[in-house]
Amino acid sequence: MKKIALALAVLAPFSIAQAEIIKQTNSVGVGYRAHLGDDADKSNKNDYVVLTAKHKTITDWGLVSLAARYENPFTLEADKPNGKSAVETFKTFADVYYKLGDGSTQLWWDWYSSANQNITEVTNTLGLAYSAKIGKLKLKAGAGLPYSVGHSPLRSYDVMLGAAITRFEFAYPLAANATVFGLADSRWDRDEDFKETFNHSEDNGHHILLGGKYQINKSINIAMVYHDYSDWGGYAKDGQAIETSVNFVF
């Protein structure tokens, strides 16, 4: 699993260079996450500023998407709900979708990493995805097997994460400059070592988001996204948040 993921990571930039590029976009953004209710307080999550950078390339063979996310940069928010010092967190994301034949099925590789002064997680997922379009509605579903390494003050782990990771996505244009979108990520039957490392009590966890984006002009858009967490990431139980952002596209 690790060798396959490493091979894909090495081959992806080379494949882009050799491919027919259909579309490329880059963006940087600044946003703010505000938590709703008191569920996030139980996981000791503070509100924070977010800085992002994203890249997407669509080619004749598929799609490559890269992103970096810097949460609470420069420790702008000094304290967590329990009074302890808030931390900066840096996250990276990557997805490669490689078309299998002329159909709608793709080989899917997903990379996720998260690191701060307390924890580190790196998860690679390899699986299959399927894309469909119904009128203006774009749909994508994927399922894969994850391999993960990481540590926290509680312990460390290096395991196949569980039975599967699943992802469902949709996007629908309400107008030429307005789009609604959603995503649901789920991890099923997670390994006990992983759960103990990040203080999760449930075998399964999810992250669901629902958002809207408005294109002010070709270079600037604004977005608002609702997030729902259950035993996911830094949320030991549940958490809800609204994140607003301004993004500059080039």
C-alpha atoms as a PDB file:
ATOM      1  CA  MET A   1       0.000   0.000   0.000  1.00  0.00           C
ATOM      2  CA  LYS A   2       2.749   2.473   0.954  1.00  0.00           C
ATOM      3  CA  LYS A   3       4.733   1.611  -2.199  1.00  0.00           C
ATOM      4  CA  ILE A   4       1.691   2.140  -4.439  1.00  0.00           C
ATOM      5  CA  ALA A   5       0.899   5.493  -2.823  1.00  0.00           C
ATOM      6  CA  LEU A   6       4.518   6.625  -3.150  1.00  0.00           C
ATOM      7  CA  ALA A   7       4.578   5.601  -6.818  1.00  0.00           C
ATOM      8  CA  LEU A   8       1.427   7.600  -7.522  1.00  0.00           C
ATOM      9  CA  ALA A   9       2.833  10.644  -5.732  1.00  0.00           C
ATOM     10  CA  VAL A  10       5.997  10.486  -7.847  1.00  0.00           C
ATOM     11  CA  LEU A  11       4.224   9.797 -11.135  1.00  0.00           C
ATOM     12  CA  ALA A  12       1.471  12.409 -10.812  1.00  0.00           C
ATOM     13  CA  PRO A  13       3.605  15.490 -11.673  1.00  0.00           C
ATOM     14  CA  PHE A  14       5.275  13.586 -14.531  1.00  0.00           C
ATOM     15  CA  SER A  15       1.894  12.505 -15.878  1.00  0.00           C
ATOM     16  CA  ILE A  16       0.650  16.098 -15.836  1.00  0.00           C
ATOM     17  CA  ALA A  17       3.697  17.201 -17.794  1.00  0.00           C
ATOM     18  CA  GLN A  18       3.024  14.536 -20.437  1.00  0.00           C
ATOM     19  CA  ALA A  19      -0.759  15.044 -20.588  1.00  0.00           C
ATOM     20  CA  GLU A  20      -3.015  17.289 -22.602  1.00  0.00           C
ATOM     21  CA  ILE A  21      -4.032  19.936 -20.082  1.00  0.00           C
ATOM     22  CA  ILE A  22      -7.676  20.934 -20.420  1.00  0.00           C
ATOM     23  CA  LYS A  23      -7.898  23.408 -17.531  1.00  0.00           C
ATOM     24  CA  GLN A  24      -5.725  24.650 -14.666  1.00  0.00           C
ATOM     25  CA  THR A  25      -6.691  26.877 -11.733  1.00  0.00           C
ATOM     26  CA  ASN A  26      -4.839  28.201  -8.689  1.00  0.00           C
ATOM     27  CA  SER A  27      -6.206  30.101  -5.725  1.00  0.00           C
ATOM     28  CA  VAL A  28      -5.248  31.528  -2.357  1.00  0.00           C
ATOM     29  CA  GLY A  29      -7.773  32.421   0.309  1.00  0.00           C
ATOM     30  CA  VAL A  30      -8.318  33.816   3.771  1.00  0.00           C
ATOM     31  CA  GLY A  31     -11.229  32.758   5.957  1.00  0.00           C
ATOM     32  CA  TYR A  32     -12.586  32.429   9.469  1.00  0.00           C
ATOM     33  CA  ARG A  33     -14.066  29.394  11.227  1.00  0.00           C
ATOM     34  CA  ALA A  34     -16.705  29.995  13.916  1.00  0.00           C
ATOM     35  CA  HIS A  35     -17.982  27.021  15.906  1.00  0.00           C
ATOM     36  CA  LEU A  36     -21.678  26.577  16.635  1.00  0.00           C
ATOM     37  CA  GLY A  37     -23.121  25.546  19.995  1.00  0.00           C
ATOM     38  CA  ASP A  38     -20.979  24.043  22.757  1.00  0.00           C
ATOM     39  CA  ASP A  39     -20.072  20.667  21.190  1.00  0.00           C
ATOM     40  CA  ALA A  40     -16.746  22.039  19.939  1.00  0.00           C
ATOM     41  CA  ASP A  41     -15.934  23.301  23.460  1.00  0.00           C
ATOM     42  CA  LYS A  42     -16.058  19.697  24.676  1.00  0.00           C
ATOM     43  CA  SER A  43     -13.295  18.908  22.166  1.00  0.00           C
ATOM     44  CA  ASN A  44     -11.455  22.097  23.207  1.00  0.00           C
ATOM     45  CA  LYS A  45     -11.729  23.637  19.715  1.00  0.00           C
ATOM     46  CA  ASN A  46     -11.363  27.411  19.376  1.00  0.00           C
ATOM     47  CA  ASP A  47     -12.503  29.675  16.524  1.00  0.00           C
ATOM     48  CA  TYR A  48      -9.669  30.637  14.191  1.00  0.00           C
ATOM     49  CA  VAL A  49      -8.428  32.310  11.014  1.00  0.00           C
ATOM     50  CA  VAL A  50      -7.636  30.074   8.013  1.00  0.00           C
ATOM     51  CA  LEU A  51      -5.176  30.609   5.140  1.00  0.00           C
ATOM     52  CA  THR A  52      -5.460  28.330   2.092  1.00  0.00           C
ATOM     53  CA  ALA A  53      -3.702  27.630  -1.198  1.00  0.00           C
ATOM     54  CA  LYS A  54      -5.198  25.342  -3.880  1.00  0.00           C
ATOM     55  CA  HIS A  55      -4.316  23.988  -7.309  1.00  0.00           C
ATOM     56  CA  LYS A  56      -6.379  21.920  -9.738  1.00  0.00           C
ATOM     57  CA  THR A  57      -5.410  20.465 -13.102  1.00  0.00           C
ATOM     58  CA  ILE A  58      -7.869  18.704 -15.426  1.00  0.00           C
ATOM     59  CA  THR A  59      -6.161  16.614 -18.100  1.00  0.00           C
ATOM     60  CA  ASP A  60      -7.161  14.166 -20.803  1.00  0.00           C
ATOM     61  CA  TRP A  61      -6.495  11.291 -18.372  1.00  0.00           C
ATOM     62  CA  GLY A  62      -8.146  12.675 -15.233  1.00  0.00           C
ATOM     63  CA  LEU A  63      -7.746  15.224 -12.467  1.00  0.00           C
ATOM     64  CA  VAL A  64      -5.134  16.301  -9.907  1.00  0.00           C
ATOM     65  CA  SER A  65      -6.126  18.459  -6.936  1.00  0.00           C
ATOM     66  CA  LEU A  66      -3.690  19.848  -4.332  1.00  0.00           C
ATOM     67  CA  ALA A  67      -4.368  22.035  -1.295  1.00  0.00           C
ATOM     68  CA  ALA A  68      -2.640  23.406   1.789  1.00  0.00           C
ATOM     69  CA  ARG A  69      -4.397  24.817   4.841  1.00  0.00           C
ATOM     70  CA  TYR A  70      -2.884  26.850   7.687  1.00  0.00           C
ATOM     71  CA  GLU A  71      -5.208  27.062  10.717  1.00  0.00           C
ATOM     72  CA  ASN A  72      -4.803  29.707  13.423  1.00  0.00           C
ATOM     73  CA  PRO A  73      -1.743  31.200  11.665  1.00  0.00           C
ATOM     74  CA  PHE A  74       0.820  32.913  13.844  1.00  0.00           C
ATOM     75  CA  THR A  75      -1.330  31.796  16.829  1.00  0.00           C
ATOM     76  CA  LEU A  76      -3.728  34.699  16.269  1.00  0.00           C
ATOM     77  CA  GLU A  77      -6.151  33.030  18.678  1.00  0.00           C
ATOM     78  CA  ALA A  78      -4.159  32.708  21.898  1.00  0.00           C
ATOM     79  CA  ASP A  79      -6.327  30.406  24.020  1.00  0.00           C
ATOM     80  CA  LYS A  80      -8.551  27.360  23.735  1.00  0.00           C
ATOM     81  CA  PRO A  81     -11.872  27.046  25.611  1.00  0.00           C
ATOM     82  CA  ASN A  82     -10.124  25.326  28.542  1.00  0.00           C
ATOM     83  CA  GLY A  83      -7.627  28.187  28.837  1.00  0.00           C
ATOM     84  CA  LYS A  84      -4.655  26.318  27.384  1.00  0.00           C
ATOM     85  CA  SER A  85      -2.655  27.879  24.564  1.00  0.00           C
ATOM     86  CA  ALA A  86      -4.151  27.481  21.089  1.00  0.00           C
ATOM     87  CA  VAL A  87      -1.895  25.941  18.430  1.00  0.00           C
ATOM     88  CA  GLU A  88      -1.156  26.456  14.770  1.00  0.00           C
ATOM     89  CA  THR A  89      -2.072  23.503  12.533  1.00  0.00           C
ATOM     90  CA  PHE A  90      -0.858  22.853   9.004  1.00  0.00           C
ATOM     91  CA  LYS A  91      -2.756  20.457   6.733  1.00  0.00           C
ATOM     92  CA  THR A  92      -2.177  19.199   3.193  1.00  0.00           C
ATOM     93  CA  PHE A  93      -4.559  17.458   0.808  1.00  0.00           C
ATOM     94  CA  ALA A  94      -4.089  15.754  -2.551  1.00  0.00           C
ATOM     95  CA  ASP A  95      -6.360  13.788  -4.863  1.00  0.00           C
ATOM     96  CA  VAL A  96      -5.580  12.031  -8.128  1.00  0.00           C
ATOM     97  CA  TYR A  97      -8.385  10.606 -10.275  1.00  0.00           C
ATOM     98  CA  TYR A  98      -7.131   8.496 -13.200  1.00  0.00           C
ATOM     99  CA  LYS A  99      -9.658   7.446 -15.821  1.00  0.00           C
ATOM    100  CA  LEU A 100     -10.004   3.717 -16.426  1.00  0.00           C
ATOM    101  CA  GLY A 101     -10.937   3.410 -20.081  1.00  0.00           C
ATOM    102  CA  ASP A 102     -13.573   5.649 -21.623  1.00  0.00           C
ATOM    103  CA  GLY A 103     -16.137   5.228 -18.848  1.00  0.00           C
ATOM    104  CA  SER A 104     -16.848   7.158 -15.654  1.00  0.00           C
ATOM    105  CA  THR A 105     -14.778   4.960 -13.329  1.00  0.00           C
ATOM    106  CA  GLN A 106     -11.431   6.240 -12.049  1.00  0.00           C
ATOM    107  CA  LEU A 107      -8.543   4.970  -9.974  1.00  0.00           C
ATOM    108  CA  TRP A 108      -8.530   7.213  -6.897  1.00  0.00           C
ATOM    109  CA  TRP A 109      -5.616   8.169  -4.651  1.00  0.00           C
ATOM    110  CA  ASP A 110      -6.145  10.495  -1.683  1.00  0.00           C
ATOM    111  CA  TRP A 111      -3.523  12.045   0.618  1.00  0.00           C
ATOM    112  CA  TYR A 112      -4.227  13.826   3.903  1.00  0.00           C
ATOM    113  CA  SER A 113      -1.794  15.158   6.487  1.00  0.00           C
ATOM    114  CA  SER A 114      -2.246  17.208   9.647  1.00  0.00           C
ATOM    115  CA  ALA A 115       0.479  18.402  11.996  1.00  0.00           C
ATOM    116  CA  ASN A 116       0.877  20.719  14.966  1.00  0.00           C
ATOM    117  CA  GLN A 117       2.970  20.741  18.122  1.00  0.00           C
ATOM    118  CA  ASN A 118       0.813  17.970  19.633  1.00  0.00           C
ATOM    119  CA  ILE A 119      -0.202  15.549  16.861  1.00  0.00           C
ATOM    120  CA  THR A 120       0.727  14.259  13.426  1.00  0.00           C
ATOM    121  CA  GLU A 121      -1.436  12.237  11.024  1.00  0.00           C
ATOM    122  CA  VAL A 122      -0.649  11.108   7.478  1.00  0.00           C
ATOM    123  CA  THR A 123      -3.234   8.982   5.670  1.00  0.00           C
ATOM    124  CA  ASN A 124      -3.035   7.546   2.147  1.00  0.00           C
ATOM    125  CA  THR A 125      -6.140   6.037   0.562  1.00  0.00           C
ATOM    126  CA  LEU A 126      -6.224   3.988  -2.633  1.00  0.00           C
ATOM    127  CA  GLY A 127      -9.503   3.018  -4.235  1.00  0.00           C
ATOM    128  CA  LEU A 128     -12.020   3.571  -7.017  1.00  0.00           C
ATOM    129  CA  ALA A 129     -14.307   6.495  -7.801  1.00  0.00           C
ATOM    130  CA  TYR A 130     -17.278   6.979 -10.108  1.00  0.00           C
ATOM    131  CA  SER A 131     -18.433  10.276 -11.637  1.00  0.00           C
ATOM    132  CA  ALA A 132     -21.850  11.089 -13.073  1.00  0.00           C
ATOM    133  CA  LYS A 133     -23.707  14.118 -14.384  1.00  0.00           C
ATOM    134  CA  ILE A 134     -27.483  14.513 -14.286  1.00  0.00           C
ATOM    135  CA  GLY A 135     -28.366  17.697 -16.098  1.00  0.00           C
ATOM    136  CA  LYS A 136     -26.321  20.384 -14.350  1.00  0.00           C
ATOM    137  CA  LEU A 137     -25.803  18.261 -11.224  1.00  0.00           C
ATOM    138  CA  LYS A 138     -22.298  16.784 -10.901  1.00  0.00           C
ATOM    139  CA  LEU A 139     -21.864  13.727  -8.660  1.00  0.00           C
ATOM    140  CA  LYS A 140     -18.850  11.731  -7.544  1.00  0.00           C
ATOM    141  CA  ALA A 141     -18.557   8.739  -5.194  1.00  0.00           C
ATOM    142  CA  GLY A 142     -15.440   6.930  -4.055  1.00  0.00           C
ATOM    143  CA  ALA A 143     -14.359   4.125  -1.750  1.00  0.00           C
ATOM    144  CA  GLY A 144     -10.869   3.040  -0.789  1.00  0.00           C
ATOM    145  CA  LEU A 145      -8.583   1.319   1.676  1.00  0.00           C
ATOM    146  CA  PRO A 146      -6.583   3.671   3.922  1.00  0.00           C
ATOM    147  CA  TYR A 147      -3.111   3.346   5.385  1.00  0.00           C
ATOM    148  CA  SER A 148      -2.205   5.778   8.164  1.00  0.00           C
ATOM    149  CA  VAL A 149       0.673   6.721  10.464  1.00  0.00           C
ATOM    150  CA  GLY A 150       0.679   9.273  13.257  1.00  0.00           C
ATOM    151  CA  HIS A 151       1.207  10.120  16.888  1.00  0.00           C
ATOM    152  CA  SER A 152      -0.177  12.166  19.771  1.00  0.00           C
ATOM    153  CA  PRO A 153       0.833  12.631  23.420  1.00  0.00           C
ATOM    154  CA  LEU A 154      -1.197   9.468  24.128  1.00  0.00           C
ATOM    155  CA  ARG A 155       0.614   7.064  21.757  1.00  0.00           C
ATOM    156  CA  SER A 156       1.594   6.413  18.123  1.00  0.00           C
ATOM    157  CA  TYR A 157       0.290   4.086  15.399  1.00  0.00           C
ATOM    158  CA  ASP A 158       1.213   2.694  11.964  1.00  0.00           C
ATOM    159  CA  VAL A 159      -1.719   0.690  10.610  1.00  0.00           C
ATOM    160  CA  MET A 160      -4.237  -0.056   7.940  1.00  0.00           C
ATOM    161  CA  LEU A 161      -6.839   2.370   9.244  1.00  0.00           C
ATOM    162  CA  GLY A 162      -9.946   0.210   8.899  1.00  0.00           C
ATOM    163  CA  ALA A 163     -12.378  -1.410   6.520  1.00  0.00           C
ATOM    164  CA  ALA A 164     -12.849   1.575   4.194  1.00  0.00           C
ATOM    165  CA  ILE A 165     -13.033   5.301   3.606  1.00  0.00           C
ATOM    166  CA  THR A 166     -15.972   6.512   1.529  1.00  0.00           C
ATOM    167  CA  ARG A 167     -16.579   9.899  -0.077  1.00  0.00           C
ATOM    168  CA  PHE A 168     -19.624  11.419  -1.777  1.00  0.00           C
ATOM    169  CA  GLU A 169     -19.543  14.818  -3.509  1.00  0.00           C
ATOM    170  CA  PHE A 170     -21.952  16.988  -5.467  1.00  0.00           C
ATOM    171  CA  ALA A 171     -21.943  20.412  -7.129  1.00  0.00           C
ATOM    172  CA  TYR A 172     -24.829  22.287  -8.705  1.00  0.00           C
ATOM    173  CA  PRO A 173     -24.723  25.715 -10.420  1.00  0.00           C
ATOM    174  CA  LEU A 174     -27.607  27.911  -9.324  1.00  0.00           C
ATOM    175  CA  ALA A 175     -26.521  30.593 -11.795  1.00  0.00           C
ATOM    176  CA  ALA A 176     -23.508  31.468 -13.930  1.00  0.00           C
ATOM    177  CA  ASN A 177     -21.711  32.884 -10.871  1.00  0.00           C
ATOM    178  CA  ALA A 178     -23.251  30.891  -7.980  1.00  0.00           C
ATOM    179  CA  THR A 179     -22.744  27.233  -7.036  1.00  0.00           C
ATOM    180  CA  VAL A 180     -23.838  25.026  -4.151  1.00  0.00           C
ATOM    181  CA  PHE A 181     -21.751  21.994  -3.222  1.00  0.00           C
ATOM    182  CA  GLY A 182     -21.430  19.268  -0.632  1.00  0.00           C
ATOM    183  CA  LEU A 183     -19.166  16.473   0.546  1.00  0.00           C
ATOM    184  CA  ALA A 184     -19.467  13.562   2.968  1.00  0.00           C
ATOM    185  CA  ASP A 185     -16.329  11.719   4.135  1.00  0.00           C
ATOM    186  CA  SER A 186     -16.708   8.650   6.343  1.00  0.00           C
ATOM    187  CA  ARG A 187     -14.231   6.282   8.003  1.00  0.00           C
ATOM    188  CA  TRP A 188     -15.548   2.850   8.889  1.00  0.00           C
ATOM    189  CA  ASP A 189     -14.369   0.295  11.454  1.00  0.00           C
ATOM    190  CA  ARG A 190     -11.280   2.248  12.471  1.00  0.00           C
ATOM    191  CA  ASP A 191      -8.320   0.519  14.055  1.00  0.00           C
ATOM    192  CA  GLU A 192      -8.111   0.599  17.869  1.00  0.00           C
ATOM    193  CA  ASP A 193      -4.578   2.058  17.798  1.00  0.00           C
ATOM    194  CA  PHE A 194      -5.810   5.002  15.717  1.00  0.00           C
ATOM    195  CA  LYS A 195      -8.793   5.577  18.015  1.00  0.00           C
ATOM    196  CA  GLU A 196      -6.631   5.529  21.142  1.00  0.00           C
ATOM    197  CA  THR A 197      -4.077   7.904  19.602  1.00  0.00           C
ATOM    198  CA  PHE A 198      -6.680  10.586  18.889  1.00  0.00           C
ATOM    199  CA  ASN A 199      -9.087   9.797  21.753  1.00  0.00           C
ATOM    200  CA  HIS A 200     -11.961   8.643  19.543  1.00  0.00           C
ATOM    201  CA  SER A 201     -14.531   6.365  21.142  1.00  0.00           C
ATOM    202  CA  GLU A 202     -16.509   5.241  18.088  1.00  0.00           C
ATOM    203  CA  ASP A 203     -15.506   2.781  15.370  1.00  0.00           C
ATOM    204  CA  ASN A 204     -16.908   5.064  12.665  1.00  0.00           C
ATOM    205  CA  GLY A 205     -16.613   8.808  12.073  1.00  0.00           C
ATOM    206  CA  HIS A 206     -17.708  11.364   9.497  1.00  0.00           C
ATOM    207  CA  HIS A 207     -17.197  14.885   8.177  1.00  0.00           C
ATOM    208  CA  ILE A 208     -20.076  16.428   6.197  1.00  0.00           C
ATOM    209  CA  LEU A 209     -19.975  19.844   4.578  1.00  0.00           C
ATOM    210  CA  LEU A 210     -22.541  21.889   2.669  1.00  0.00           C
ATOM    211  CA  GLY A 211     -21.618  25.208   1.116  1.00  0.00           C
ATOM    212  CA  GLY A 212     -22.156  27.893  -1.448  1.00  0.00           C
ATOM    213  CA  LYS A 213     -19.760  29.930  -3.588  1.00  0.00           C
ATOM    214  CA  TYR A 214     -20.409  33.240  -5.331  1.00  0.00           C
ATOM    215  CA  GLN A 215     -18.090  34.421  -8.104  1.00  0.00           C
ATOM    216  CA  ILE A 216     -17.736  38.211  -7.825  1.00  0.00           C
ATOM    217  CA  ASN A 217     -15.571  38.309 -10.946  1.00  0.00           C
ATOM    218  CA  LYS A 218     -13.167  35.928 -12.689  1.00  0.00           C
ATOM    219  CA  SER A 219     -10.496  36.549 -10.035  1.00  0.00           C
ATOM    220  CA  ILE A 220     -12.441  36.725  -6.736  1.00  0.00           C
ATOM    221  CA  ASN A 221     -15.069  34.531  -5.097  1.00  0.00           C
ATOM    222  CA  ILE A 222     -16.595  34.326  -1.650  1.00  0.00           C
ATOM    223  CA  ALA A 223     -17.735  31.122   0.027  1.00  0.00           C
ATOM    224  CA  MET A 224     -19.665  30.016   3.102  1.00  0.00           C
ATOM    225  CA  VAL A 225     -19.499  26.386   4.254  1.00  0.00           C
ATOM    226  CA  TYR A 226     -21.266  24.525   7.075  1.00  0.00           C
ATOM    227  CA  HIS A 227     -19.264  21.643   8.607  1.00  0.00           C
ATOM    228  CA  ASP A 228     -20.588  18.767  10.725  1.00  0.00           C
ATOM    229  CA  TYR A 229     -18.168  16.410  12.501  1.00  0.00           C
ATOM    230  CA  SER A 230     -18.692  13.197  14.422  1.00  0.00           C
ATOM    231  CA  ASP A 231     -15.620  11.518  15.946  1.00  0.00           C
ATOM    232  CA  TRP A 232     -13.494  13.074  13.213  1.00  0.00           C
ATOM    233  CA  GLY A 233     -10.208  14.960  13.184  1.00  0.00           C
ATOM    234  CA  GLY A 234      -9.751  17.038  16.323  1.00  0.00           C
ATOM    235  CA  TYR A 235     -13.396  16.547  17.331  1.00  0.00           C
ATOM    236  CA  ALA A 236     -13.459  13.784  19.925  1.00  0.00           C
ATOM    237  CA  LYS A 237     -17.257  13.662  19.769  1.00  0.00           C
ATOM    238  CA  ASP A 238     -19.341  16.100  17.701  1.00  0.00           C
ATOM    239  CA  GLY A 239     -18.753  19.557  16.315  1.00  0.00           C
ATOM    240  CA  GLN A 240     -20.411  22.069  14.000  1.00  0.00           C
ATOM    241  CA  ALA A 241     -18.868  25.140  12.409  1.00  0.00           C
ATOM    242  CA  ILE A 242     -19.439  27.810   9.783  1.00  0.00           C
ATOM    243  CA  GLU A 243     -16.460  28.853   7.695  1.00  0.00           C
ATOM    244  CA  THR A 244     -16.486  31.967   5.489  1.00  0.00           C
ATOM    245  CA  SER A 245     -13.700  32.857   3.059  1.00  0.00           C
ATOM    246  CA  VAL A 246     -12.556  35.191   0.311  1.00  0.00           C
ATOM    247  CA  ASN A 247     -10.558  33.507  -2.444  1.00  0.00           C
ATOM    248  CA  PHE A 248      -8.352  34.924  -5.171  1.00  0.00           C
ATOM    249  CA  VAL A 249      -8.160  32.823  -8.349  1.00  0.00           C
ATOM    250  CA  PHE A 250      -5.359  32.985 -10.928  1.00  0.00           C
END
